[in-house]
Amino acid sequence: MFVNRRKVRIEWGDCDPAGIVFYPRYFAMFDHSTAMMLEAATGFTKYELTKKYDFVGIPMVDTGAKFMIPSKFGDDIVIETTISELGTSSFDVLHRVWKGDKLAIEAHEKRVWVGKHPEDPAKIKSKPIPDEVANRLREKKTVEV
């Protein structure tokens, strides 16, 4: 599957009073990493994808992480993001955070491709991931940004 790797420098605002990354900040980084992976795979920003394929977004319905090595202000990490499973309308994302050659975090997300509900536009409903997008995500390719 497609892999996107991006370098991130830990900023002061990412850290708690103990000087290590406050764990919810990682989930914001993972959300951005998922959007960057989709952009790298398709050539379209998340905003452009919503217009091109007439969908609302890709809400997260499940997430979790295993934290093994903490990061602190000034550390450089690499977030490696890939699709671990691709369904008809949902996909699982795997994030691996590397500090040098050591695995610091392994996290997962389950996301659903959704559009407006046909009977109630105030609600959302899953819809199939477009073949063009799914095929790009299945490519065996690694991109570094």
N, C-alpha and C. Protein backbone atom coordinates (compact mmCIF):
# COMPACT_ATOMS: atom_id res chain seq x y z
N MET A 1 0.84 -1.19 0.00
CA MET A 1 0.00 0.00 0.00
C MET A 1 0.89 1.26 0.00
N PHE A 2 0.28 2.36 -0.35
CA PHE A 2 0.95 3.66 -0.41
C PHE A 2 1.43 4.07 0.99
N VAL A 3 2.64 4.59 1.08
CA VAL A 3 3.22 5.04 2.36
C VAL A 3 3.65 6.49 2.21
N ASN A 4 3.25 7.32 3.16
CA ASN A 4 3.70 8.71 3.21
C ASN A 4 4.52 8.89 4.48
N ARG A 5 5.71 9.45 4.32
CA ARG A 5 6.59 9.73 5.47
C ARG A 5 6.80 11.24 5.53
N ARG A 6 6.66 11.80 6.74
CA ARG A 6 6.90 13.23 6.89
C ARG A 6 7.67 13.50 8.17
N LYS A 7 8.56 14.48 8.08
CA LYS A 7 9.34 14.88 9.24
C LYS A 7 8.57 15.93 10.02
N VAL A 8 8.63 15.82 11.33
CA VAL A 8 7.96 16.76 12.22
C VAL A 8 8.94 17.15 13.33
N ARG A 9 9.06 18.43 13.57
CA ARG A 9 9.84 18.91 14.72
C ARG A 9 8.86 19.22 15.84
N ILE A 10 9.12 18.66 17.01
CA ILE A 10 8.25 18.89 18.16
C ILE A 10 8.43 20.32 18.65
N GLU A 11 7.31 21.03 18.74
CA GLU A 11 7.31 22.43 19.14
C GLU A 11 6.94 22.55 20.62
N TRP A 12 7.25 23.70 21.20
CA TRP A 12 6.97 23.97 22.61
C TRP A 12 5.49 23.75 22.92
N GLY A 13 4.61 24.21 22.04
CA GLY A 13 3.17 24.09 22.27
C GLY A 13 2.65 22.66 22.21
N ASP A 14 3.46 21.73 21.74
CA ASP A 14 3.06 20.32 21.71
C ASP A 14 3.24 19.64 23.07
N CYS A 15 3.98 20.30 23.97
CA CYS A 15 4.44 19.65 25.19
C CYS A 15 3.62 20.03 26.42
N ASP A 16 3.60 19.11 27.38
CA ASP A 16 2.93 19.34 28.65
C ASP A 16 3.94 19.89 29.66
N PRO A 17 3.51 20.19 30.90
CA PRO A 17 4.45 20.73 31.89
C PRO A 17 5.65 19.83 32.18
N ALA A 18 5.53 18.54 31.89
CA ALA A 18 6.66 17.62 32.11
C ALA A 18 7.68 17.73 30.98
N GLY A 19 7.33 18.49 29.93
CA GLY A 19 8.28 18.69 28.83
C GLY A 19 8.22 17.63 27.75
N ILE A 20 7.22 16.74 27.82
CA ILE A 20 7.06 15.74 26.77
C ILE A 20 5.77 16.04 26.01
N VAL A 21 5.63 15.44 24.83
CA VAL A 21 4.46 15.71 24.00
C VAL A 21 3.20 15.25 24.74
N PHE A 22 2.24 16.17 24.84
CA PHE A 22 0.93 15.86 25.41
C PHE A 22 0.22 14.97 24.39
N TYR A 23 -0.14 13.76 24.79
CA TYR A 23 -0.57 12.73 23.85
C TYR A 23 -1.65 13.15 22.86
N PRO A 24 -2.65 14.00 23.21
CA PRO A 24 -3.63 14.39 22.19
C PRO A 24 -3.01 15.12 21.01
N ARG A 25 -1.88 15.76 21.21
CA ARG A 25 -1.21 16.46 20.10
C ARG A 25 -0.81 15.46 19.02
N TYR A 26 -0.44 14.24 19.41
CA TYR A 26 -0.10 13.24 18.41
C TYR A 26 -1.29 12.95 17.51
N PHE A 27 -2.49 12.91 18.08
CA PHE A 27 -3.67 12.59 17.27
C PHE A 27 -3.95 13.70 16.26
N ALA A 28 -3.64 14.94 16.61
CA ALA A 28 -3.74 16.04 15.64
C ALA A 28 -2.70 15.83 14.53
N MET A 29 -1.50 15.41 14.92
CA MET A 29 -0.45 15.13 13.92
C MET A 29 -0.87 13.98 13.02
N PHE A 30 -1.49 12.96 13.59
CA PHE A 30 -1.94 11.80 12.80
C PHE A 30 -3.05 12.21 11.82
N ASP A 31 -3.97 13.04 12.28
CA ASP A 31 -5.04 13.51 11.40
C ASP A 31 -4.44 14.24 10.20
N HIS A 32 -3.48 15.11 10.46
CA HIS A 32 -2.82 15.85 9.38
C HIS A 32 -2.03 14.89 8.48
N SER A 33 -1.42 13.88 9.08
CA SER A 33 -0.65 12.89 8.30
C SER A 33 -1.55 12.11 7.36
N THR A 34 -2.77 11.79 7.82
CA THR A 34 -3.72 11.09 6.95
C THR A 34 -4.10 11.97 5.76
N ALA A 35 -4.37 13.24 6.02
CA ALA A 35 -4.70 14.17 4.93
C ALA A 35 -3.52 14.32 3.97
N MET A 36 -2.31 14.37 4.50
CA MET A 36 -1.13 14.51 3.65
C MET A 36 -0.89 13.24 2.82
N MET A 37 -1.20 12.08 3.39
CA MET A 37 -1.06 10.83 2.64
C MET A 37 -2.04 10.81 1.47
N LEU A 38 -3.30 11.22 1.72
CA LEU A 38 -4.28 11.26 0.64
C LEU A 38 -3.85 12.23 -0.45
N GLU A 39 -3.32 13.38 -0.04
CA GLU A 39 -2.85 14.37 -1.02
C GLU A 39 -1.68 13.83 -1.83
N ALA A 40 -0.73 13.19 -1.15
CA ALA A 40 0.43 12.65 -1.86
C ALA A 40 0.02 11.53 -2.82
N ALA A 41 -0.96 10.73 -2.43
CA ALA A 41 -1.40 9.60 -3.26
C ALA A 41 -2.22 10.06 -4.46
N THR A 42 -3.08 11.08 -4.26
CA THR A 42 -4.02 11.45 -5.32
C THR A 42 -3.63 12.71 -6.09
N GLY A 43 -2.79 13.55 -5.47
CA GLY A 43 -2.44 14.82 -6.10
C GLY A 43 -3.45 15.92 -5.81
N PHE A 44 -4.42 15.64 -4.94
CA PHE A 44 -5.45 16.62 -4.57
C PHE A 44 -5.44 16.85 -3.07
N THR A 45 -5.64 18.10 -2.65
CA THR A 45 -5.79 18.37 -1.22
C THR A 45 -7.10 17.75 -0.75
N LYS A 46 -7.26 17.64 0.57
CA LYS A 46 -8.50 17.10 1.12
C LYS A 46 -9.69 17.94 0.65
N TYR A 47 -9.54 19.26 0.65
CA TYR A 47 -10.60 20.15 0.18
C TYR A 47 -10.93 19.87 -1.29
N GLU A 48 -9.90 19.75 -2.13
CA GLU A 48 -10.13 19.47 -3.55
C GLU A 48 -10.79 18.11 -3.75
N LEU A 49 -10.42 17.12 -2.94
CA LEU A 49 -11.05 15.79 -3.03
C LEU A 49 -12.54 15.87 -2.73
N THR A 50 -12.92 16.66 -1.72
CA THR A 50 -14.36 16.76 -1.39
C THR A 50 -15.16 17.34 -2.55
N LYS A 51 -14.56 18.26 -3.27
CA LYS A 51 -15.25 18.87 -4.43
C LYS A 51 -15.27 17.91 -5.63
N LYS A 52 -14.13 17.31 -5.89
CA LYS A 52 -14.00 16.41 -7.06
C LYS A 52 -14.93 15.19 -6.95
N TYR A 53 -15.04 14.62 -5.74
CA TYR A 53 -15.79 13.39 -5.56
C TYR A 53 -17.11 13.57 -4.81
N ASP A 54 -17.51 14.83 -4.59
CA ASP A 54 -18.79 15.15 -3.96
C ASP A 54 -19.03 14.32 -2.69
N PHE A 55 -18.12 14.48 -1.74
CA PHE A 55 -18.29 13.84 -0.44
C PHE A 55 -18.03 14.86 0.65
N VAL A 56 -18.38 14.52 1.87
CA VAL A 56 -18.30 15.46 2.98
C VAL A 56 -16.96 15.38 3.69
N GLY A 57 -16.44 14.17 3.86
CA GLY A 57 -15.17 14.01 4.57
C GLY A 57 -14.90 12.57 4.89
N ILE A 58 -13.93 12.38 5.78
CA ILE A 58 -13.51 11.03 6.18
C ILE A 58 -13.43 10.97 7.71
N PRO A 59 -14.58 11.02 8.38
CA PRO A 59 -14.56 11.02 9.84
C PRO A 59 -13.92 9.74 10.41
N MET A 60 -13.31 9.93 11.57
CA MET A 60 -12.68 8.83 12.28
C MET A 60 -13.73 8.17 13.17
N VAL A 61 -13.82 6.85 13.11
CA VAL A 61 -14.78 6.13 13.93
C VAL A 61 -14.11 5.27 15.00
N ASP A 62 -12.79 5.13 14.91
CA ASP A 62 -12.04 4.38 15.92
C ASP A 62 -10.59 4.82 15.85
N THR A 63 -9.93 4.86 17.00
CA THR A 63 -8.51 5.20 17.03
C THR A 63 -7.88 4.65 18.30
N GLY A 64 -6.58 4.53 18.27
CA GLY A 64 -5.83 4.08 19.44
C GLY A 64 -4.35 4.17 19.14
N ALA A 65 -3.56 4.08 20.20
CA ALA A 65 -2.11 4.17 20.03
C ALA A 65 -1.39 3.47 21.16
N LYS A 66 -0.20 2.99 20.83
CA LYS A 66 0.71 2.43 21.82
C LYS A 66 1.94 3.33 21.83
N PHE A 67 2.21 3.92 23.00
CA PHE A 67 3.31 4.86 23.16
C PHE A 67 4.49 4.14 23.80
N MET A 68 5.62 4.12 23.11
CA MET A 68 6.78 3.38 23.62
C MET A 68 7.95 4.28 24.02
N ILE A 69 8.16 5.37 23.29
CA ILE A 69 9.27 6.28 23.57
C ILE A 69 8.71 7.71 23.53
N PRO A 70 8.91 8.50 24.59
CA PRO A 70 8.39 9.87 24.58
C PRO A 70 9.23 10.78 23.69
N SER A 71 8.61 11.88 23.25
CA SER A 71 9.31 12.92 22.51
C SER A 71 9.17 14.21 23.30
N LYS A 72 10.15 15.10 23.12
CA LYS A 72 10.14 16.37 23.85
C LYS A 72 10.44 17.51 22.90
N PHE A 73 10.28 18.72 23.40
CA PHE A 73 10.51 19.93 22.64
C PHE A 73 11.86 19.86 21.93
N GLY A 74 11.84 20.14 20.62
CA GLY A 74 13.06 20.15 19.82
C GLY A 74 13.39 18.84 19.13
N ASP A 75 12.74 17.74 19.55
CA ASP A 75 12.99 16.45 18.90
C ASP A 75 12.47 16.47 17.47
N ASP A 76 13.16 15.76 16.61
CA ASP A 76 12.69 15.52 15.25
C ASP A 76 12.19 14.09 15.18
N ILE A 77 10.98 13.93 14.66
CA ILE A 77 10.40 12.61 14.49
C ILE A 77 9.98 12.44 13.04
N VAL A 78 9.75 11.21 12.64
CA VAL A 78 9.19 10.91 11.32
C VAL A 78 7.90 10.14 11.53
N ILE A 79 6.83 10.64 10.91
CA ILE A 79 5.54 9.94 10.97
C ILE A 79 5.34 9.24 9.64
N GLU A 80 5.23 7.93 9.72
CA GLU A 80 5.02 7.09 8.54
C GLU A 80 3.55 6.67 8.55
N THR A 81 2.83 6.99 7.49
CA THR A 81 1.39 6.74 7.43
C THR A 81 1.07 5.88 6.22
N THR A 82 0.26 4.85 6.43
CA THR A 82 -0.14 3.95 5.35
C THR A 82 -1.54 3.41 5.62
N ILE A 83 -2.15 2.90 4.58
CA ILE A 83 -3.43 2.22 4.70
C ILE A 83 -3.13 0.76 5.03
N SER A 84 -3.70 0.28 6.13
CA SER A 84 -3.47 -1.12 6.49
C SER A 84 -4.59 -2.02 5.98
N GLU A 85 -5.77 -1.43 5.75
CA GLU A 85 -6.88 -2.18 5.17
C GLU A 85 -7.78 -1.21 4.43
N LEU A 86 -8.20 -1.61 3.24
CA LEU A 86 -9.03 -0.76 2.41
C LEU A 86 -10.30 -1.51 2.06
N GLY A 87 -11.43 -0.99 2.57
CA GLY A 87 -12.72 -1.60 2.29
C GLY A 87 -13.46 -0.83 1.21
N THR A 88 -14.75 -1.09 1.10
CA THR A 88 -15.57 -0.43 0.10
C THR A 88 -15.78 1.05 0.43
N SER A 89 -16.09 1.33 1.71
CA SER A 89 -16.34 2.71 2.11
C SER A 89 -15.54 3.12 3.35
N SER A 90 -14.75 2.22 3.88
CA SER A 90 -13.93 2.54 5.05
C SER A 90 -12.49 2.09 4.80
N PHE A 91 -11.61 2.67 5.59
CA PHE A 91 -10.21 2.27 5.50
C PHE A 91 -9.53 2.42 6.84
N ASP A 92 -8.58 1.55 7.09
CA ASP A 92 -7.79 1.59 8.32
C ASP A 92 -6.45 2.22 7.99
N VAL A 93 -6.01 3.11 8.87
CA VAL A 93 -4.75 3.82 8.71
C VAL A 93 -3.81 3.39 9.82
N LEU A 94 -2.56 3.17 9.47
CA LEU A 94 -1.53 2.84 10.44
C LEU A 94 -0.51 3.97 10.43
N HIS A 95 -0.22 4.50 11.61
CA HIS A 95 0.82 5.52 11.77
C HIS A 95 1.93 4.93 12.61
N ARG A 96 3.15 5.09 12.15
CA ARG A 96 4.32 4.71 12.94
C ARG A 96 5.16 5.96 13.12
N VAL A 97 5.51 6.24 14.37
CA VAL A 97 6.35 7.39 14.68
C VAL A 97 7.75 6.87 15.00
N TRP A 98 8.73 7.41 14.29
CA TRP A 98 10.12 7.00 14.44
C TRP A 98 10.94 8.13 15.05
N LYS A 99 11.75 7.78 16.03
CA LYS A 99 12.78 8.69 16.56
C LYS A 99 14.09 8.03 16.18
N GLY A 100 14.70 8.58 15.14
CA GLY A 100 15.87 7.91 14.59
C GLY A 100 15.44 6.56 14.04
N ASP A 101 16.10 5.50 14.48
CA ASP A 101 15.74 4.16 14.00
C ASP A 101 14.88 3.39 15.00
N LYS A 102 14.35 4.10 16.01
CA LYS A 102 13.54 3.45 17.04
C LYS A 102 12.05 3.79 16.85
N LEU A 103 11.22 2.76 16.95
CA LEU A 103 9.77 2.95 16.86
C LEU A 103 9.28 3.55 18.18
N ALA A 104 8.72 4.75 18.13
CA ALA A 104 8.27 5.45 19.33
C ALA A 104 6.78 5.26 19.58
N ILE A 105 5.99 5.23 18.53
CA ILE A 105 4.53 5.09 18.66
C ILE A 105 4.00 4.28 17.48
N GLU A 106 3.01 3.47 17.76
CA GLU A 106 2.26 2.82 16.69
C GLU A 106 0.79 3.12 16.96
N ALA A 107 0.14 3.74 16.00
CA ALA A 107 -1.25 4.17 16.17
C ALA A 107 -2.11 3.70 15.00
N HIS A 108 -3.39 3.62 15.24
CA HIS A 108 -4.32 3.22 14.17
C HIS A 108 -5.55 4.12 14.17
N GLU A 109 -6.17 4.20 13.02
CA GLU A 109 -7.44 4.91 12.84
C GLU A 109 -8.31 4.08 11.92
N LYS A 110 -9.60 4.16 12.11
CA LYS A 110 -10.56 3.65 11.12
C LYS A 110 -11.35 4.87 10.67
N ARG A 111 -11.40 5.07 9.36
CA ARG A 111 -12.09 6.22 8.78
C ARG A 111 -13.12 5.74 7.77
N VAL A 112 -14.13 6.56 7.58
CA VAL A 112 -15.22 6.23 6.65
C VAL A 112 -15.38 7.37 5.66
N TRP A 113 -15.47 7.01 4.39
CA TRP A 113 -15.73 7.97 3.31
C TRP A 113 -17.22 8.27 3.35
N VAL A 114 -17.61 9.53 3.60
CA VAL A 114 -19.03 9.84 3.77
C VAL A 114 -19.48 11.00 2.89
N GLY A 115 -20.76 10.94 2.56
CA GLY A 115 -21.43 12.03 1.85
C GLY A 115 -22.67 12.41 2.61
N LYS A 116 -23.41 13.36 2.07
CA LYS A 116 -24.67 13.76 2.69
C LYS A 116 -25.67 12.61 2.56
N HIS A 117 -26.43 12.39 3.59
CA HIS A 117 -27.45 11.35 3.56
C HIS A 117 -28.49 11.74 2.52
N PRO A 118 -28.84 10.84 1.60
CA PRO A 118 -29.77 11.19 0.51
C PRO A 118 -31.17 11.58 1.01
N GLU A 119 -31.58 11.06 2.16
CA GLU A 119 -32.92 11.36 2.67
C GLU A 119 -32.94 12.51 3.67
N ASP A 120 -31.77 12.83 4.23
CA ASP A 120 -31.69 13.92 5.21
C ASP A 120 -30.31 14.57 5.09
N PRO A 121 -30.21 15.65 4.32
CA PRO A 121 -28.91 16.29 4.08
C PRO A 121 -28.22 16.82 5.33
N ALA A 122 -28.93 16.87 6.47
CA ALA A 122 -28.30 17.29 7.72
C ALA A 122 -27.48 16.15 8.33
N LYS A 123 -27.64 14.95 7.78
CA LYS A 123 -26.91 13.76 8.28
C LYS A 123 -25.90 13.30 7.24
N ILE A 124 -25.03 12.41 7.67
CA ILE A 124 -24.05 11.83 6.74
C ILE A 124 -24.29 10.33 6.59
N LYS A 125 -23.79 9.81 5.50
CA LYS A 125 -23.93 8.38 5.21
C LYS A 125 -22.69 7.92 4.46
N SER A 126 -22.23 6.72 4.78
CA SER A 126 -21.06 6.20 4.08
C SER A 126 -21.36 6.04 2.60
N LYS A 127 -20.31 6.19 1.80
CA LYS A 127 -20.44 5.96 0.37
C LYS A 127 -19.14 5.31 -0.10
N PRO A 128 -19.18 4.62 -1.22
CA PRO A 128 -17.98 3.93 -1.70
C PRO A 128 -16.83 4.89 -1.98
N ILE A 129 -15.64 4.44 -1.62
CA ILE A 129 -14.43 5.19 -1.96
C ILE A 129 -14.28 5.09 -3.48
N PRO A 130 -14.10 6.21 -4.17
CA PRO A 130 -13.96 6.15 -5.63
C PRO A 130 -12.80 5.23 -6.05
N ASP A 131 -13.02 4.48 -7.11
CA ASP A 131 -12.00 3.54 -7.60
C ASP A 131 -10.66 4.22 -7.84
N GLU A 132 -10.70 5.42 -8.39
CA GLU A 132 -9.46 6.15 -8.69
C GLU A 132 -8.65 6.39 -7.41
N VAL A 133 -9.32 6.75 -6.33
CA VAL A 133 -8.65 6.98 -5.04
C VAL A 133 -8.16 5.66 -4.47
N ALA A 134 -9.03 4.65 -4.46
CA ALA A 134 -8.65 3.34 -3.92
C ALA A 134 -7.44 2.77 -4.66
N ASN A 135 -7.43 2.90 -5.97
CA ASN A 135 -6.29 2.38 -6.75
C ASN A 135 -5.00 3.10 -6.41
N ARG A 136 -5.06 4.39 -6.19
CA ARG A 136 -3.86 5.15 -5.81
C ARG A 136 -3.35 4.71 -4.44
N LEU A 137 -4.27 4.45 -3.52
CA LEU A 137 -3.88 4.03 -2.18
C LEU A 137 -3.30 2.62 -2.15
N ARG A 138 -3.67 1.81 -3.15
CA ARG A 138 -3.14 0.44 -3.24
C ARG A 138 -1.73 0.39 -3.85
N GLU A 139 -1.31 1.48 -4.48
CA GLU A 139 0.02 1.49 -5.11
C GLU A 139 1.10 1.23 -4.07
N LYS A 140 2.07 0.43 -4.45
CA LYS A 140 3.22 0.17 -3.57
C LYS A 140 4.25 1.25 -3.86
N LYS A 141 4.18 2.31 -3.06
CA LYS A 141 5.00 3.48 -3.30
C LYS A 141 5.22 4.19 -1.96
N THR A 142 6.41 4.71 -1.76
CA THR A 142 6.71 5.49 -0.56
C THR A 142 7.11 6.89 -0.98
N VAL A 143 6.47 7.89 -0.34
CA VAL A 143 6.73 9.30 -0.62
C VAL A 143 7.21 9.94 0.67
N GLU A 144 8.24 10.77 0.57
CA GLU A 144 8.73 11.52 1.73
C GLU A 144 8.49 13.00 1.49
N VAL A 145 7.86 13.64 2.47
CA VAL A 145 7.61 15.09 2.37
C VAL A 145 8.27 15.80 3.53
